[in-house]
């Protein structure tokens, strides 16, 4: 079940809707757009960094069955659009770093015929991603994502636009989820079965130091909750193309281990 709550002054408007099943298809294109597990790329030099064809950001890989929650925050970036159709997805979630499922939510940015569009979504991959109708996001909004393992293969995912005080929560079951990683990620998603061209996003900001949302880019591993940087297994992920050229890369984590930014190129 999908639950929407929007703050209206001191009142709370709650809307209960049947769980959506539509594939995430942006309103301004006929393309099918899906987030994906991490696809490894050519080796990147640097201690604690790995290369990926589709992800940039940070992940905390751990022993199977130990990663039970993640909270992430980011600022929706302003896209610079030309005539080319391009895409970028910002999200936080569990799994996907070294396994075949992802439990996640975030914001998709699409450039279509020179115009930028933004969409809220969630996904229990490998099931199709779901576009959340009526959840309006815009550049500059501060977004909070919380993903928690409930038990018996079931997860709770909450996507909140803190700027607009709007929130959606959904639960879903994922068969074969390993509970083996937590992530705060910028992605070039899969479009019609192929990796898309990355949209021109400039710089994307994650974590408390930029969003002012506390305890974000935090994971719970083995019952211990802390910022990504507090875990020795934390990995920086650099996005590369098939030739190994860098498309997007994360900054070092801030001293508190919770915040970073991703720059293009």
C-alpha atoms as a PDB file:
ATOM      1  CA  UNK A   1       0.000   0.000   0.000  1.00  0.00           C
ATOM      2  CA  UNK A   2       1.189   3.485  -0.879  1.00  0.00           C
ATOM      3  CA  UNK A   3       0.549   6.225   1.678  1.00  0.00           C
ATOM      4  CA  UNK A   4       0.855   9.933   0.875  1.00  0.00           C
ATOM      5  CA  UNK A   5       0.980  12.593   3.580  1.00  0.00           C
ATOM      6  CA  UNK A   6       1.209  16.310   2.823  1.00  0.00           C
ATOM      7  CA  UNK A   7       1.436  18.955   5.520  1.00  0.00           C
ATOM      8  CA  UNK A   8      -1.102  21.738   5.063  1.00  0.00           C
ATOM      9  CA  UNK A   9      -0.455  24.308   7.814  1.00  0.00           C
ATOM     10  CA  UNK A  10      -1.183  22.404  11.019  1.00  0.00           C
ATOM     11  CA  UNK A  11      -3.340  19.789   9.291  1.00  0.00           C
ATOM     12  CA  UNK A  12      -2.117  16.581   7.697  1.00  0.00           C
ATOM     13  CA  UNK A  13      -3.848  15.350   4.561  1.00  0.00           C
ATOM     14  CA  UNK A  14      -3.452  11.584   4.207  1.00  0.00           C
ATOM     15  CA  UNK A  15      -4.224   9.753   0.985  1.00  0.00           C
ATOM     16  CA  UNK A  16      -4.207   5.962   0.781  1.00  0.00           C
ATOM     17  CA  UNK A  17      -3.822   4.504  -2.699  1.00  0.00           C
ATOM     18  CA  UNK A  18      -3.418   0.985  -4.051  1.00  0.00           C
ATOM     19  CA  UNK A  19       0.204   0.112  -4.719  1.00  0.00           C
ATOM     20  CA  UNK A  20       1.185   1.349  -8.174  1.00  0.00           C
ATOM     21  CA  UNK A  21       2.490  -1.149 -10.693  1.00  0.00           C
ATOM     22  CA  UNK A  22       3.298   1.049 -13.680  1.00  0.00           C
ATOM     23  CA  UNK A  23       6.772   0.996 -15.177  1.00  0.00           C
ATOM     24  CA  UNK A  24       8.567   4.291 -14.627  1.00  0.00           C
ATOM     25  CA  UNK A  25       7.783   6.038 -17.920  1.00  0.00           C
ATOM     26  CA  UNK A  26       8.373   9.823 -17.803  1.00  0.00           C
ATOM     27  CA  UNK A  27       5.501  11.897 -19.109  1.00  0.00           C
ATOM     28  CA  UNK A  28       7.536  13.538 -21.872  1.00  0.00           C
ATOM     29  CA  UNK A  29       9.050  10.493 -23.559  1.00  0.00           C
ATOM     30  CA  UNK A  30       8.013   7.023 -24.668  1.00  0.00           C
ATOM     31  CA  UNK A  31      11.181   5.500 -23.238  1.00  0.00           C
ATOM     32  CA  UNK A  32      11.162   2.930 -20.452  1.00  0.00           C
ATOM     33  CA  UNK A  33      13.577   4.152 -17.772  1.00  0.00           C
ATOM     34  CA  UNK A  34      14.879   1.816 -15.067  1.00  0.00           C
ATOM     35  CA  UNK A  35      17.390   2.111 -12.262  1.00  0.00           C
ATOM     36  CA  UNK A  36      19.802  -0.842 -12.145  1.00  0.00           C
ATOM     37  CA  UNK A  37      22.238  -2.640  -9.889  1.00  0.00           C
ATOM     38  CA  UNK A  38      25.833  -1.423 -10.112  1.00  0.00           C
ATOM     39  CA  UNK A  39      27.594  -2.370 -13.356  1.00  0.00           C
ATOM     40  CA  UNK A  40      31.335  -2.568 -12.818  1.00  0.00           C
ATOM     41  CA  UNK A  41      33.628  -0.579 -15.095  1.00  0.00           C
ATOM     42  CA  UNK A  42      37.341  -0.352 -15.780  1.00  0.00           C
ATOM     43  CA  UNK A  43      39.624  -0.059 -12.773  1.00  0.00           C
ATOM     44  CA  UNK A  44      39.970   3.381 -11.196  1.00  0.00           C
ATOM     45  CA  UNK A  45      43.166   4.283  -9.392  1.00  0.00           C
ATOM     46  CA  UNK A  46      42.759   5.288  -5.771  1.00  0.00           C
ATOM     47  CA  UNK A  47      42.407   3.594  -2.431  1.00  0.00           C
ATOM     48  CA  UNK A  48      38.834   2.726  -1.524  1.00  0.00           C
ATOM     49  CA  UNK A  49      37.434   3.582  -4.967  1.00  0.00           C
ATOM     50  CA  UNK A  50      35.766   1.405  -7.564  1.00  0.00           C
ATOM     51  CA  UNK A  51      34.598   2.102 -11.114  1.00  0.00           C
ATOM     52  CA  UNK A  52      31.076   1.678 -12.407  1.00  0.00           C
ATOM     53  CA  UNK A  53      29.411   2.196 -15.765  1.00  0.00           C
ATOM     54  CA  UNK A  54      26.230   3.546 -14.172  1.00  0.00           C
ATOM     55  CA  UNK A  55      26.817   4.666 -10.542  1.00  0.00           C
ATOM     56  CA  UNK A  56      28.712   7.471  -8.806  1.00  0.00           C
ATOM     57  CA  UNK A  57      28.670   8.155  -5.074  1.00  0.00           C
ATOM     58  CA  UNK A  58      29.278   6.034  -1.985  1.00  0.00           C
ATOM     59  CA  UNK A  59      28.333   2.532  -0.858  1.00  0.00           C
ATOM     60  CA  UNK A  60      28.843   0.543   2.321  1.00  0.00           C
ATOM     61  CA  UNK A  61      29.181  -3.141   1.399  1.00  0.00           C
ATOM     62  CA  UNK A  62      28.984  -5.621   4.268  1.00  0.00           C
ATOM     63  CA  UNK A  63      28.338  -9.241   5.188  1.00  0.00           C
ATOM     64  CA  UNK A  64      25.082 -10.662   3.843  1.00  0.00           C
ATOM     65  CA  UNK A  65      22.117 -10.168   6.128  1.00  0.00           C
ATOM     66  CA  UNK A  66      23.625  -7.318   8.151  1.00  0.00           C
ATOM     67  CA  UNK A  67      22.589  -4.097   6.339  1.00  0.00           C
ATOM     68  CA  UNK A  68      19.062  -3.310   7.487  1.00  0.00           C
ATOM     69  CA  UNK A  69      18.472   0.397   6.853  1.00  0.00           C
ATOM     70  CA  UNK A  70      19.747   3.484   5.093  1.00  0.00           C
ATOM     71  CA  UNK A  71      18.841   7.162   5.199  1.00  0.00           C
ATOM     72  CA  UNK A  72      20.042   9.446   2.443  1.00  0.00           C
ATOM     73  CA  UNK A  73      19.478  13.063   1.470  1.00  0.00           C
ATOM     74  CA  UNK A  74      20.306  15.115  -1.592  1.00  0.00           C
ATOM     75  CA  UNK A  75      19.470  18.359  -3.351  1.00  0.00           C
ATOM     76  CA  UNK A  76      17.688  18.064  -6.702  1.00  0.00           C
ATOM     77  CA  UNK A  77      20.161  19.558  -9.212  1.00  0.00           C
ATOM     78  CA  UNK A  78      19.424  22.012 -11.998  1.00  0.00           C
ATOM     79  CA  UNK A  79      19.817  20.286 -15.367  1.00  0.00           C
ATOM     80  CA  UNK A  80      21.276  21.997 -18.419  1.00  0.00           C
ATOM     81  CA  UNK A  81      19.470  20.631 -21.458  1.00  0.00           C
ATOM     82  CA  UNK A  82      20.249  20.706 -25.175  1.00  0.00           C
ATOM     83  CA  UNK A  83      18.437  18.885 -27.957  1.00  0.00           C
ATOM     84  CA  UNK A  84      19.647  15.455 -26.845  1.00  0.00           C
ATOM     85  CA  UNK A  85      17.539  13.243 -24.572  1.00  0.00           C
ATOM     86  CA  UNK A  86      19.553  12.643 -21.394  1.00  0.00           C
ATOM     87  CA  UNK A  87      18.863  11.328 -17.897  1.00  0.00           C
ATOM     88  CA  UNK A  88      20.151  11.291 -14.326  1.00  0.00           C
ATOM     89  CA  UNK A  89      18.775   9.572 -11.217  1.00  0.00           C
ATOM     90  CA  UNK A  90      19.626  10.478  -7.619  1.00  0.00           C
ATOM     91  CA  UNK A  91      18.672   7.999  -4.923  1.00  0.00           C
ATOM     92  CA  UNK A  92      19.435   6.153  -1.703  1.00  0.00           C
ATOM     93  CA  UNK A  93      18.817   2.486  -1.088  1.00  0.00           C
ATOM     94  CA  UNK A  94      19.843  -0.969   0.027  1.00  0.00           C
ATOM     95  CA  UNK A  95      21.572  -3.716  -1.983  1.00  0.00           C
ATOM     96  CA  UNK A  96      22.682  -3.599  -5.616  1.00  0.00           C
ATOM     97  CA  UNK A  97      26.398  -3.066  -5.000  1.00  0.00           C
ATOM     98  CA  UNK A  98      27.311  -6.733  -5.344  1.00  0.00           C
ATOM     99  CA  UNK A  99      24.003  -8.556  -5.754  1.00  0.00           C
ATOM    100  CA  UNK A 100      20.917  -8.648  -7.977  1.00  0.00           C
ATOM    101  CA  UNK A 101      18.302  -6.589  -6.097  1.00  0.00           C
ATOM    102  CA  UNK A 102      17.917  -2.942  -5.081  1.00  0.00           C
ATOM    103  CA  UNK A 103      15.383  -1.392  -2.708  1.00  0.00           C
ATOM    104  CA  UNK A 104      15.452   2.341  -3.347  1.00  0.00           C
ATOM    105  CA  UNK A 105      13.749   5.668  -3.993  1.00  0.00           C
ATOM    106  CA  UNK A 106      14.792   8.970  -5.474  1.00  0.00           C
ATOM    107  CA  UNK A 107      14.364  11.572  -8.189  1.00  0.00           C
ATOM    108  CA  UNK A 108      14.810  11.163 -11.938  1.00  0.00           C
ATOM    109  CA  UNK A 109      15.881  14.122 -14.064  1.00  0.00           C
ATOM    110  CA  UNK A 110      15.111  13.996 -17.775  1.00  0.00           C
ATOM    111  CA  UNK A 111      16.157  16.341 -20.578  1.00  0.00           C
ATOM    112  CA  UNK A 112      13.724  16.026 -23.458  1.00  0.00           C
ATOM    113  CA  UNK A 113      13.888  18.304 -26.509  1.00  0.00           C
ATOM    114  CA  UNK A 114      15.794  20.927 -24.567  1.00  0.00           C
ATOM    115  CA  UNK A 115      13.544  20.998 -21.499  1.00  0.00           C
ATOM    116  CA  UNK A 116      14.154  19.563 -18.022  1.00  0.00           C
ATOM    117  CA  UNK A 117      11.612  17.417 -16.183  1.00  0.00           C
ATOM    118  CA  UNK A 118      11.820  15.886 -12.710  1.00  0.00           C
ATOM    119  CA  UNK A 119      10.042  12.812 -11.337  1.00  0.00           C
ATOM    120  CA  UNK A 120       9.797  11.058  -7.982  1.00  0.00           C
ATOM    121  CA  UNK A 121      10.057   7.266  -8.063  1.00  0.00           C
ATOM    122  CA  UNK A 122      10.732   4.117  -6.070  1.00  0.00           C
ATOM    123  CA  UNK A 123      11.849   0.658  -7.068  1.00  0.00           C
ATOM    124  CA  UNK A 124      12.084  -2.853  -5.696  1.00  0.00           C
ATOM    125  CA  UNK A 125      14.449  -4.084  -8.403  1.00  0.00           C
ATOM    126  CA  UNK A 126      14.250  -6.407 -10.347  1.00  0.00           C
ATOM    127  CA  UNK A 127      10.566  -5.430 -10.327  1.00  0.00           C
ATOM    128  CA  UNK A 128       9.916  -2.359 -12.487  1.00  0.00           C
ATOM    129  CA  UNK A 129      10.434   1.096 -11.050  1.00  0.00           C
ATOM    130  CA  UNK A 130       7.300   3.083 -10.232  1.00  0.00           C
ATOM    131  CA  UNK A 131       6.680   6.740 -11.080  1.00  0.00           C
ATOM    132  CA  UNK A 132       4.813   8.426  -8.203  1.00  0.00           C
ATOM    133  CA  UNK A 133       2.005  10.386  -9.822  1.00  0.00           C
ATOM    134  CA  UNK A 134       1.267  13.735  -8.205  1.00  0.00           C
ATOM    135  CA  UNK A 135       4.534  13.961  -6.269  1.00  0.00           C
ATOM    136  CA  UNK A 136       6.031  17.187  -7.632  1.00  0.00           C
ATOM    137  CA  UNK A 137       9.770  17.812  -7.259  1.00  0.00           C
ATOM    138  CA  UNK A 138      11.823  20.714  -8.549  1.00  0.00           C
ATOM    139  CA  UNK A 139      15.467  21.830  -8.657  1.00  0.00           C
ATOM    140  CA  UNK A 140      16.744  22.962  -5.283  1.00  0.00           C
ATOM    141  CA  UNK A 141      14.396  20.756  -3.259  1.00  0.00           C
ATOM    142  CA  UNK A 142      15.928  18.847  -0.351  1.00  0.00           C
ATOM    143  CA  UNK A 143      14.991  15.171  -0.584  1.00  0.00           C
ATOM    144  CA  UNK A 144      15.094  12.549   2.185  1.00  0.00           C
ATOM    145  CA  UNK A 145      14.997   8.810   1.454  1.00  0.00           C
ATOM    146  CA  UNK A 146      14.593   6.134   4.127  1.00  0.00           C
ATOM    147  CA  UNK A 147      14.745   2.413   3.320  1.00  0.00           C
ATOM    148  CA  UNK A 148      14.294  -0.160   6.084  1.00  0.00           C
ATOM    149  CA  UNK A 149      14.107  -3.938   6.182  1.00  0.00           C
ATOM    150  CA  UNK A 150      10.939  -5.002   8.014  1.00  0.00           C
ATOM    151  CA  UNK A 151      11.463  -8.769   7.901  1.00  0.00           C
ATOM    152  CA  UNK A 152      10.424 -11.815   5.857  1.00  0.00           C
ATOM    153  CA  UNK A 153      11.703 -10.221   2.647  1.00  0.00           C
ATOM    154  CA  UNK A 154       9.667  -7.038   3.106  1.00  0.00           C
ATOM    155  CA  UNK A 155      10.960  -3.459   2.958  1.00  0.00           C
ATOM    156  CA  UNK A 156       9.577  -0.019   3.777  1.00  0.00           C
ATOM    157  CA  UNK A 157      10.594   2.893   1.549  1.00  0.00           C
ATOM    158  CA  UNK A 158       9.839   6.550   2.285  1.00  0.00           C
ATOM    159  CA  UNK A 159      10.536   9.432  -0.089  1.00  0.00           C
ATOM    160  CA  UNK A 160      10.116  12.893   1.435  1.00  0.00           C
ATOM    161  CA  UNK A 161      10.457  16.300  -0.164  1.00  0.00           C
ATOM    162  CA  UNK A 162      11.532  18.209   2.938  1.00  0.00           C
ATOM    163  CA  UNK A 163      11.291  21.542   1.132  1.00  0.00           C
ATOM    164  CA  UNK A 164       7.623  20.983   0.283  1.00  0.00           C
ATOM    165  CA  UNK A 165       6.708  18.849   3.352  1.00  0.00           C
ATOM    166  CA  UNK A 166       5.393  16.058   1.140  1.00  0.00           C
ATOM    167  CA  UNK A 167       6.028  12.378   1.825  1.00  0.00           C
ATOM    168  CA  UNK A 168       5.233   8.972   0.295  1.00  0.00           C
ATOM    169  CA  UNK A 169       5.715   5.593   1.949  1.00  0.00           C
ATOM    170  CA  UNK A 170       5.396   2.200   0.301  1.00  0.00           C
ATOM    171  CA  UNK A 171       6.160  -1.348   1.395  1.00  0.00           C
ATOM    172  CA  UNK A 172       7.183  -4.177  -0.894  1.00  0.00           C
ATOM    173  CA  UNK A 173       8.587  -7.679  -0.881  1.00  0.00           C
ATOM    174  CA  UNK A 174      11.846  -8.538  -2.635  1.00  0.00           C
ATOM    175  CA  UNK A 175      12.789 -12.162  -3.166  1.00  0.00           C
ATOM    176  CA  UNK A 176      16.498 -12.904  -2.781  1.00  0.00           C
ATOM    177  CA  UNK A 177      17.505  -9.572  -1.220  1.00  0.00           C
ATOM    178  CA  UNK A 178      20.854 -10.117   0.498  1.00  0.00           C
ATOM    179  CA  UNK A 179      20.906  -7.061   2.800  1.00  0.00           C
ATOM    180  CA  UNK A 180      24.557  -6.607   1.884  1.00  0.00           C
ATOM    181  CA  UNK A 181      25.026  -2.898   1.075  1.00  0.00           C
ATOM    182  CA  UNK A 182      23.720   0.640   1.546  1.00  0.00           C
ATOM    183  CA  UNK A 183      24.141   3.449  -0.990  1.00  0.00           C
ATOM    184  CA  UNK A 184      23.748   7.153  -1.751  1.00  0.00           C
ATOM    185  CA  UNK A 185      24.067   7.275  -5.533  1.00  0.00           C
ATOM    186  CA  UNK A 186      23.880   9.361  -8.695  1.00  0.00           C
ATOM    187  CA  UNK A 187      23.094   7.118 -11.669  1.00  0.00           C
ATOM    188  CA  UNK A 188      22.734   7.186 -15.410  1.00  0.00           C
ATOM    189  CA  UNK A 189      19.729   4.881 -15.681  1.00  0.00           C
ATOM    190  CA  UNK A 190      18.906   2.253 -18.229  1.00  0.00           C
ATOM    191  CA  UNK A 191      16.661   3.484 -21.044  1.00  0.00           C
ATOM    192  CA  UNK A 192      14.972   0.969 -23.345  1.00  0.00           C
ATOM    193  CA  UNK A 193      17.460  -1.684 -22.246  1.00  0.00           C
ATOM    194  CA  UNK A 194      20.627   0.406 -22.679  1.00  0.00           C
ATOM    195  CA  UNK A 195      22.579   2.786 -20.467  1.00  0.00           C
ATOM    196  CA  UNK A 196      21.424   6.331 -21.122  1.00  0.00           C
ATOM    197  CA  UNK A 197      23.459   9.425 -21.858  1.00  0.00           C
ATOM    198  CA  UNK A 198      24.120  11.198 -18.570  1.00  0.00           C
ATOM    199  CA  UNK A 199      22.303  14.519 -18.229  1.00  0.00           C
ATOM    200  CA  UNK A 200      24.304  17.680 -17.568  1.00  0.00           C
ATOM    201  CA  UNK A 201      23.720  18.092 -13.828  1.00  0.00           C
ATOM    202  CA  UNK A 202      26.807  20.097 -12.829  1.00  0.00           C
ATOM    203  CA  UNK A 203      27.240  19.178  -9.168  1.00  0.00           C
ATOM    204  CA  UNK A 204      24.929  17.083  -6.992  1.00  0.00           C
ATOM    205  CA  UNK A 205      25.053  17.375  -3.198  1.00  0.00           C
ATOM    206  CA  UNK A 206      24.386  14.620  -0.654  1.00  0.00           C
ATOM    207  CA  UNK A 207      24.174  14.496   3.140  1.00  0.00           C
ATOM    208  CA  UNK A 208      23.618  16.739   6.153  1.00  0.00           C
ATOM    209  CA  UNK A 209      26.389  19.245   5.433  1.00  0.00           C
ATOM    210  CA  UNK A 210      24.542  20.305   2.256  1.00  0.00           C
ATOM    211  CA  UNK A 211      20.876  19.428   2.861  1.00  0.00           C
ATOM    212  CA  UNK A 212      20.722  20.235   6.589  1.00  0.00           C
ATOM    213  CA  UNK A 213      18.849  16.947   7.073  1.00  0.00           C
ATOM    214  CA  UNK A 214      20.524  15.164  10.004  1.00  0.00           C
ATOM    215  CA  UNK A 215      21.663  11.542  10.108  1.00  0.00           C
ATOM    216  CA  UNK A 216      21.634  11.086   6.336  1.00  0.00           C
ATOM    217  CA  UNK A 217      23.951   8.980   4.234  1.00  0.00           C
ATOM    218  CA  UNK A 218      23.756   6.866   7.384  1.00  0.00           C
ATOM    219  CA  UNK A 219      23.496   3.069   7.378  1.00  0.00           C
ATOM    220  CA  UNK A 220      22.640   0.420   9.942  1.00  0.00           C
ATOM    221  CA  UNK A 221      25.052  -2.507   9.691  1.00  0.00           C
ATOM    222  CA  UNK A 222      25.004  -5.336  12.200  1.00  0.00           C
ATOM    223  CA  UNK A 223      22.784  -3.284  14.481  1.00  0.00           C
ATOM    224  CA  UNK A 224      25.173  -0.309  14.490  1.00  0.00           C
ATOM    225  CA  UNK A 225      23.983   2.960  12.904  1.00  0.00           C
ATOM    226  CA  UNK A 226      26.428   5.580  11.701  1.00  0.00           C
ATOM    227  CA  UNK A 227      27.536   7.761   8.792  1.00  0.00           C
ATOM    228  CA  UNK A 228      28.924   5.981   5.763  1.00  0.00           C
ATOM    229  CA  UNK A 229      32.432   7.137   6.621  1.00  0.00           C
ATOM    230  CA  UNK A 230      32.329   5.400  10.002  1.00  0.00           C
ATOM    231  CA  UNK A 231      32.383   1.991   8.301  1.00  0.00           C
ATOM    232  CA  UNK A 232      35.766   0.669   7.182  1.00  0.00           C
ATOM    233  CA  UNK A 233      34.209  -0.998   4.140  1.00  0.00           C
ATOM    234  CA  UNK A 234      32.914   2.264   2.620  1.00  0.00           C
ATOM    235  CA  UNK A 235      33.630   2.612  -1.107  1.00  0.00           C
ATOM    236  CA  UNK A 236      33.708   5.677  -3.325  1.00  0.00           C
ATOM    237  CA  UNK A 237      32.257   4.906  -6.756  1.00  0.00           C
ATOM    238  CA  UNK A 238      33.421   6.682  -9.912  1.00  0.00           C
ATOM    239  CA  UNK A 239      31.222   6.538 -13.016  1.00  0.00           C
ATOM    240  CA  UNK A 240      33.107   5.778 -16.233  1.00  0.00           C
ATOM    241  CA  UNK A 241      32.190   5.046 -19.829  1.00  0.00           C
ATOM    242  CA  UNK A 242      33.083   1.882 -21.723  1.00  0.00           C
ATOM    243  CA  UNK A 243      36.523   3.320 -22.518  1.00  0.00           C
ATOM    244  CA  UNK A 244      37.262   4.117 -18.881  1.00  0.00           C
ATOM    245  CA  UNK A 245      36.859   7.900 -19.185  1.00  0.00           C
ATOM    246  CA  UNK A 246      35.361   9.475 -16.064  1.00  0.00           C
ATOM    247  CA  UNK A 247      31.765  10.693 -16.393  1.00  0.00           C
ATOM    248  CA  UNK A 248      31.103  11.607 -12.748  1.00  0.00           C
ATOM    249  CA  UNK A 249      33.071  11.308  -9.526  1.00  0.00           C
ATOM    250  CA  UNK A 250      32.396  11.847  -5.808  1.00  0.00           C
ATOM    251  CA  UNK A 251      34.310  14.220  -3.583  1.00  0.00           C
ATOM    252  CA  UNK A 252      35.953  12.875  -0.425  1.00  0.00           C
ATOM    253  CA  UNK A 253      33.508  12.433   2.432  1.00  0.00           C
ATOM    254  CA  UNK A 254      33.293  15.370   4.828  1.00  0.00           C
ATOM    255  CA  UNK A 255      35.035  14.961   8.214  1.00  0.00           C
ATOM    256  CA  UNK A 256      31.852  13.652   9.842  1.00  0.00           C
ATOM    257  CA  UNK A 257      31.665  10.925   7.173  1.00  0.00           C
ATOM    258  CA  UNK A 258      28.125  11.747   6.075  1.00  0.00           C
ATOM    259  CA  UNK A 259      28.301  14.172   3.177  1.00  0.00           C
ATOM    260  CA  UNK A 260      29.810  14.543  -0.288  1.00  0.00           C
ATOM    261  CA  UNK A 261      29.139  15.936  -3.719  1.00  0.00           C
ATOM    262  CA  UNK A 262      29.305  14.412  -7.196  1.00  0.00           C
ATOM    263  CA  UNK A 263      30.788  16.416 -10.056  1.00  0.00           C
ATOM    264  CA  UNK A 264      30.490  15.758 -13.757  1.00  0.00           C
ATOM    265  CA  UNK A 265      33.490  14.780 -15.852  1.00  0.00           C
END
